[in-house]
Amino acid sequence: MGQKTNPIGNRLGIVRGWDSHWFADKDYAAKVVEDEKIRRYLKIRVDKGGIARIVIERTLKRVTITIHTSRPGIIIGSKGENVDRIREELRKLTKKGIQINIVEIRKPELNATIVGETIARQIEARINFRKAIKTAIQSTMRAGADGIKVRASGRLNGSDMARSEEYKEGRSPLHTFRSDIDYAIVEAQTVYGKIGLKVWICRGEILKKIDLFPTPATNKRDRRGGGRKGGGGRRRNKS
């Protein structure tokens, strides 16, 4: 089971919360599609922004987007000009009021998405995949992780036949629900095809009760304010 189930989805409601917080009745499907459009747009729009997670909350007329990133300066831009442009573009895309909060990731070495993208960018720059993976593993373990596992699949080093190789260090117990396992799938586009990367990072165990639906604090860098407005029930939807 541990090898076949998404470690994040497997822990929803236990040690991990949902990435979409909202309630919908008849237009549920349309909002799920809109959430996916927002996430795809932000990933493409800020390709080098180090975006690790995008949390979307909705009220009747407003969409609150919380971006967890390792490089907030790129998203905010000079004097907040870039984030203002992104807000206006998202307003045109969704036809709703948009509020953007930026949350900085203090230790990007412990985030599976950022680690995977770092390895992918190095592979695209024609650095040997083994060297890129082992360097990332060392950085993650130095940052305080309990364990890390990286699996690379595809035409590694341009070989004629696709294969998979796995490198790991420390412990990553996929069956232990209290273990805080971060997981990501990243692709590297090379001249000889795509290289798929799967990254598991064990950040320890969570033994205390946690808030699965935290309200984002007001972000001082977003000059229009933060926090969630409105009330009502919410349906949790994992995107």
Protein backbone atom coordinates (compact mmCIF):
# COMPACT_ATOMS: atom_id res chain seq x y z
CA MET A 1 0.00 0.00 0.00
CA GLY A 2 2.75 2.43 0.89
CA GLN A 3 4.26 2.24 -2.58
CA LYS A 4 0.96 2.77 -4.43
CA THR A 5 -0.85 5.47 -2.44
CA ASN A 6 -0.08 9.19 -2.60
CA PRO A 7 1.52 9.90 0.82
CA ILE A 8 -0.18 13.30 1.03
CA GLY A 9 -3.69 12.09 0.16
CA ASN A 10 -3.18 9.13 2.51
CA ARG A 11 -2.66 11.52 5.45
CA LEU A 12 -5.43 14.05 4.75
CA GLY A 13 -7.34 14.75 7.94
CA ILE A 14 -4.62 13.16 10.10
CA VAL A 15 -1.43 15.24 9.87
CA ARG A 16 -2.13 17.13 6.64
CA GLY A 17 -4.85 19.58 5.58
CA TRP A 18 -6.49 20.23 2.23
CA ASP A 19 -5.17 22.71 -0.33
CA SER A 20 -8.64 24.01 -1.21
CA HIS A 21 -10.99 25.33 1.52
CA TRP A 22 -14.49 26.15 0.30
CA PHE A 23 -18.10 25.03 0.10
CA ALA A 24 -20.06 24.54 -3.11
CA ASP A 25 -23.46 23.15 -4.03
CA LYS A 26 -24.40 22.95 -7.73
CA ASP A 27 -21.26 24.57 -9.15
CA TYR A 28 -18.81 22.27 -7.39
CA ALA A 29 -17.25 20.94 -10.62
CA ALA A 30 -16.78 24.43 -12.07
CA LYS A 31 -14.89 25.55 -8.96
CA VAL A 32 -12.64 22.49 -9.03
CA VAL A 33 -11.75 23.31 -12.65
CA GLU A 34 -11.19 26.97 -11.74
CA ASP A 35 -8.83 25.97 -8.90
CA GLU A 36 -6.79 23.90 -11.35
CA LYS A 37 -6.66 26.83 -13.80
CA ILE A 38 -5.39 29.15 -11.05
CA ARG A 39 -2.66 26.72 -10.00
CA ARG A 40 -1.54 26.08 -13.58
CA TYR A 41 -1.50 29.79 -14.35
CA LEU A 42 0.63 30.62 -11.31
CA LYS A 43 3.09 27.79 -12.03
CA ILE A 44 3.59 29.05 -15.59
CA ARG A 45 3.42 32.77 -14.78
CA VAL A 46 6.06 32.54 -12.04
CA ASP A 47 8.11 29.65 -13.38
CA LYS A 48 11.20 30.46 -11.30
CA GLY A 49 9.36 31.65 -8.19
CA GLY A 50 10.01 28.49 -6.15
CA ILE A 51 6.28 27.85 -5.61
CA ALA A 52 5.76 24.79 -3.42
CA ARG A 53 2.09 24.96 -2.48
CA ILE A 54 -0.97 27.03 -3.41
CA VAL A 55 -3.88 27.11 -0.94
CA ILE A 56 -7.20 28.46 -2.26
CA GLU A 57 -10.05 29.70 -0.06
CA ARG A 58 -13.36 31.06 -1.30
CA THR A 59 -16.15 33.27 -0.02
CA LEU A 60 -19.18 34.44 -1.99
CA LYS A 61 -17.38 37.09 -4.04
CA ARG A 62 -13.71 36.70 -3.17
CA VAL A 63 -10.96 34.14 -3.78
CA THR A 64 -8.06 34.15 -1.32
CA ILE A 65 -4.88 32.58 -2.68
CA THR A 66 -2.01 31.77 -0.31
CA ILE A 67 1.26 31.06 -2.13
CA HIS A 68 3.96 29.16 -0.23
CA THR A 69 7.26 29.97 -1.91
CA SER A 70 10.99 29.90 -1.24
CA ARG A 71 11.57 33.08 -3.30
CA PRO A 72 8.90 35.62 -2.33
CA GLY A 73 10.86 38.54 -3.80
CA ILE A 74 10.35 37.23 -7.35
CA ILE A 75 6.57 36.96 -6.91
CA ILE A 76 6.19 40.31 -5.14
CA GLY A 77 8.48 42.23 -7.46
CA SER A 78 9.77 45.77 -7.04
CA LYS A 79 7.45 47.64 -4.64
CA GLY A 80 4.77 44.97 -5.10
CA GLU A 81 4.28 45.67 -8.82
CA ASN A 82 4.49 42.03 -9.93
CA VAL A 83 1.96 40.74 -7.39
CA ASP A 84 -0.43 43.55 -8.37
CA ARG A 85 -0.22 42.49 -12.02
CA ILE A 86 -0.80 38.86 -11.08
CA ARG A 87 -3.84 39.89 -9.03
CA GLU A 88 -5.35 41.79 -11.96
CA GLU A 89 -4.72 38.90 -14.37
CA LEU A 90 -6.35 36.41 -11.98
CA ARG A 91 -9.31 38.78 -11.55
CA LYS A 92 -9.84 38.68 -15.34
CA LEU A 93 -9.47 34.90 -15.37
CA THR A 94 -11.93 34.19 -12.55
CA LYS A 95 -14.23 37.27 -12.77
CA LYS A 96 -14.02 37.48 -8.94
CA GLY A 97 -12.19 39.56 -6.36
CA ILE A 98 -8.69 38.22 -5.72
CA GLN A 99 -6.58 38.49 -2.60
CA ILE A 100 -3.02 37.13 -2.60
CA ASN A 101 -0.99 36.21 0.49
CA ILE A 102 2.69 35.28 0.24
CA VAL A 103 4.18 32.84 2.76
CA GLU A 104 7.94 32.33 2.72
CA ILE A 105 9.33 28.81 3.14
CA ARG A 106 12.24 29.09 5.56
CA LYS A 107 13.81 25.71 4.76
CA PRO A 108 13.30 24.89 1.06
CA GLU A 109 15.57 21.84 1.45
CA LEU A 110 12.74 20.16 3.40
CA ASN A 111 10.10 20.72 0.71
CA ALA A 112 9.72 17.88 -1.79
CA THR A 113 8.45 20.07 -4.65
CA ILE A 114 11.35 22.52 -4.42
CA VAL A 115 13.92 19.71 -4.06
CA GLY A 116 12.44 17.94 -7.09
CA GLU A 117 12.46 21.11 -9.20
CA THR A 118 16.08 21.79 -8.21
CA ILE A 119 17.11 18.32 -9.41
CA ALA A 120 15.04 18.71 -12.60
CA ARG A 121 16.64 22.05 -13.50
CA GLN A 122 20.11 20.52 -13.05
CA ILE A 123 19.22 17.55 -15.26
CA GLU A 124 17.93 19.95 -17.94
CA ALA A 125 21.29 21.74 -17.73
CA ARG A 126 22.94 18.39 -18.61
CA ILE A 127 24.38 17.74 -15.16
CA ASN A 128 24.68 14.02 -14.36
CA PHE A 129 21.45 12.92 -12.68
CA ARG A 130 23.25 10.88 -10.01
CA LYS A 131 25.33 13.88 -8.97
CA ALA A 132 22.24 16.14 -8.84
CA ILE A 133 20.26 13.64 -6.74
CA LYS A 134 23.08 12.91 -4.29
CA THR A 135 23.76 16.63 -3.80
CA ALA A 136 20.07 17.22 -3.06
CA ILE A 137 19.98 14.29 -0.61
CA GLN A 138 22.98 15.67 1.30
CA SER A 139 21.43 19.17 1.49
CA THR A 140 18.11 17.77 2.75
CA MET A 141 19.73 15.63 5.44
CA ARG A 142 21.86 18.59 6.60
CA ALA A 143 18.68 20.66 6.93
CA GLY A 144 17.35 18.22 9.55
CA ALA A 145 15.22 15.69 7.67
CA ASP A 146 14.73 12.21 9.09
CA GLY A 147 15.04 10.70 5.63
CA ILE A 148 14.69 11.26 1.89
CA LYS A 149 14.03 9.01 -1.10
CA VAL A 150 14.36 10.05 -4.76
CA ARG A 151 13.37 7.93 -7.75
CA ALA A 152 14.32 8.93 -11.31
CA SER A 153 12.68 7.27 -14.33
CA GLY A 154 13.17 7.63 -18.07
CA ARG A 155 16.06 7.62 -20.53
CA LEU A 156 18.62 8.41 -17.87
CA ASN A 157 21.82 9.94 -19.28
CA GLY A 158 20.34 9.49 -22.76
CA SER A 159 20.33 5.68 -22.66
CA ASP A 160 18.46 3.78 -25.39
CA MET A 161 16.17 2.02 -22.94
CA ALA A 162 14.22 3.73 -20.16
CA ARG A 163 14.84 2.57 -16.61
CA SER A 164 14.35 3.64 -12.99
CA GLU A 165 16.94 4.29 -10.30
CA GLU A 166 16.28 5.04 -6.66
CA TYR A 167 18.50 6.71 -4.06
CA LYS A 168 17.65 7.13 -0.40
CA GLU A 169 19.09 8.02 2.97
CA GLY A 170 17.62 7.89 6.46
CA ARG A 171 14.10 6.66 7.14
CA SER A 172 10.85 7.32 5.27
CA PRO A 173 8.06 5.18 6.86
CA LEU A 174 5.20 5.40 4.34
CA HIS A 175 2.82 3.26 6.43
CA THR A 176 3.11 5.39 9.59
CA PHE A 177 0.33 7.97 9.41
CA ARG A 178 1.82 10.21 12.09
CA SER A 179 4.99 10.62 10.00
CA ASP A 180 5.13 13.97 8.20
CA ILE A 181 5.93 12.77 4.66
CA ASP A 182 6.17 15.40 1.93
CA TYR A 183 5.82 14.05 -1.60
CA ALA A 184 6.12 15.51 -5.10
CA ILE A 185 6.28 14.44 -8.74
CA VAL A 186 8.41 16.64 -11.03
CA GLU A 187 9.36 16.28 -14.69
CA ALA A 188 12.57 17.35 -16.39
CA GLN A 189 12.31 18.01 -20.12
CA THR A 190 15.55 16.95 -21.85
CA VAL A 191 16.56 16.61 -25.51
CA TYR A 192 16.12 12.82 -25.26
CA GLY A 193 12.70 12.90 -23.57
CA LYS A 194 11.17 13.49 -20.16
CA ILE A 195 12.79 12.35 -16.94
CA GLY A 196 10.29 11.72 -14.15
CA LEU A 197 11.30 12.44 -10.56
CA LYS A 198 9.50 11.31 -7.41
CA VAL A 199 10.66 12.76 -4.07
CA TRP A 200 9.69 11.60 -0.58
CA ILE A 201 10.95 13.60 2.43
CA CYS A 202 10.33 12.52 6.02
CA ARG A 203 10.27 15.57 8.30
CA GLY A 204 9.73 13.69 11.55
CA GLU A 205 6.56 12.66 13.38
CA ILE A 206 3.56 14.75 14.40
CA LEU A 207 2.23 13.56 17.76
CA LYS A 208 0.14 16.54 18.83
CA LYS A 209 -3.22 17.63 17.41
CA ILE A 210 -2.79 20.10 14.56
CA ASP A 211 -5.04 22.70 12.93
CA LEU A 212 -5.89 21.26 9.50
CA PHE A 213 -7.50 24.53 8.32
CA PRO A 214 -5.26 27.39 9.50
CA THR A 215 -6.33 30.92 8.66
CA PRO A 216 -3.45 32.72 6.89
CA ALA A 217 -2.17 35.74 8.81
CA THR A 218 -2.25 39.17 7.23
CA ASN A 219 0.74 39.50 4.95
CA LYS A 220 2.48 42.83 5.35
CA ARG A 221 3.93 42.61 1.85
CA ASP A 222 0.47 42.44 0.28
CA ARG A 223 -0.55 46.07 0.72
CA ARG A 224 -4.26 45.31 0.32
CA GLY A 225 -4.39 43.22 3.48
CA GLY A 226 -4.89 39.54 4.25
CA GLY A 227 -6.96 37.13 6.25
CA ARG A 228 -10.25 35.45 5.34
CA LYS A 229 -13.55 37.25 5.20
CA GLY A 230 -17.00 35.77 5.48
CA GLY A 231 -18.21 32.57 7.08
CA GLY A 232 -20.33 29.56 6.33
CA GLY A 233 -19.58 25.91 5.93
CA ARG A 234 -16.69 24.60 3.92
CA ARG A 235 -16.16 21.46 1.92
CA ARG A 236 -12.60 20.26 1.78
CA ASN A 237 -11.34 19.47 -1.65
CA LYS A 238 -7.85 18.13 -2.36
CA SER A 239 -6.50 19.41 -5.68
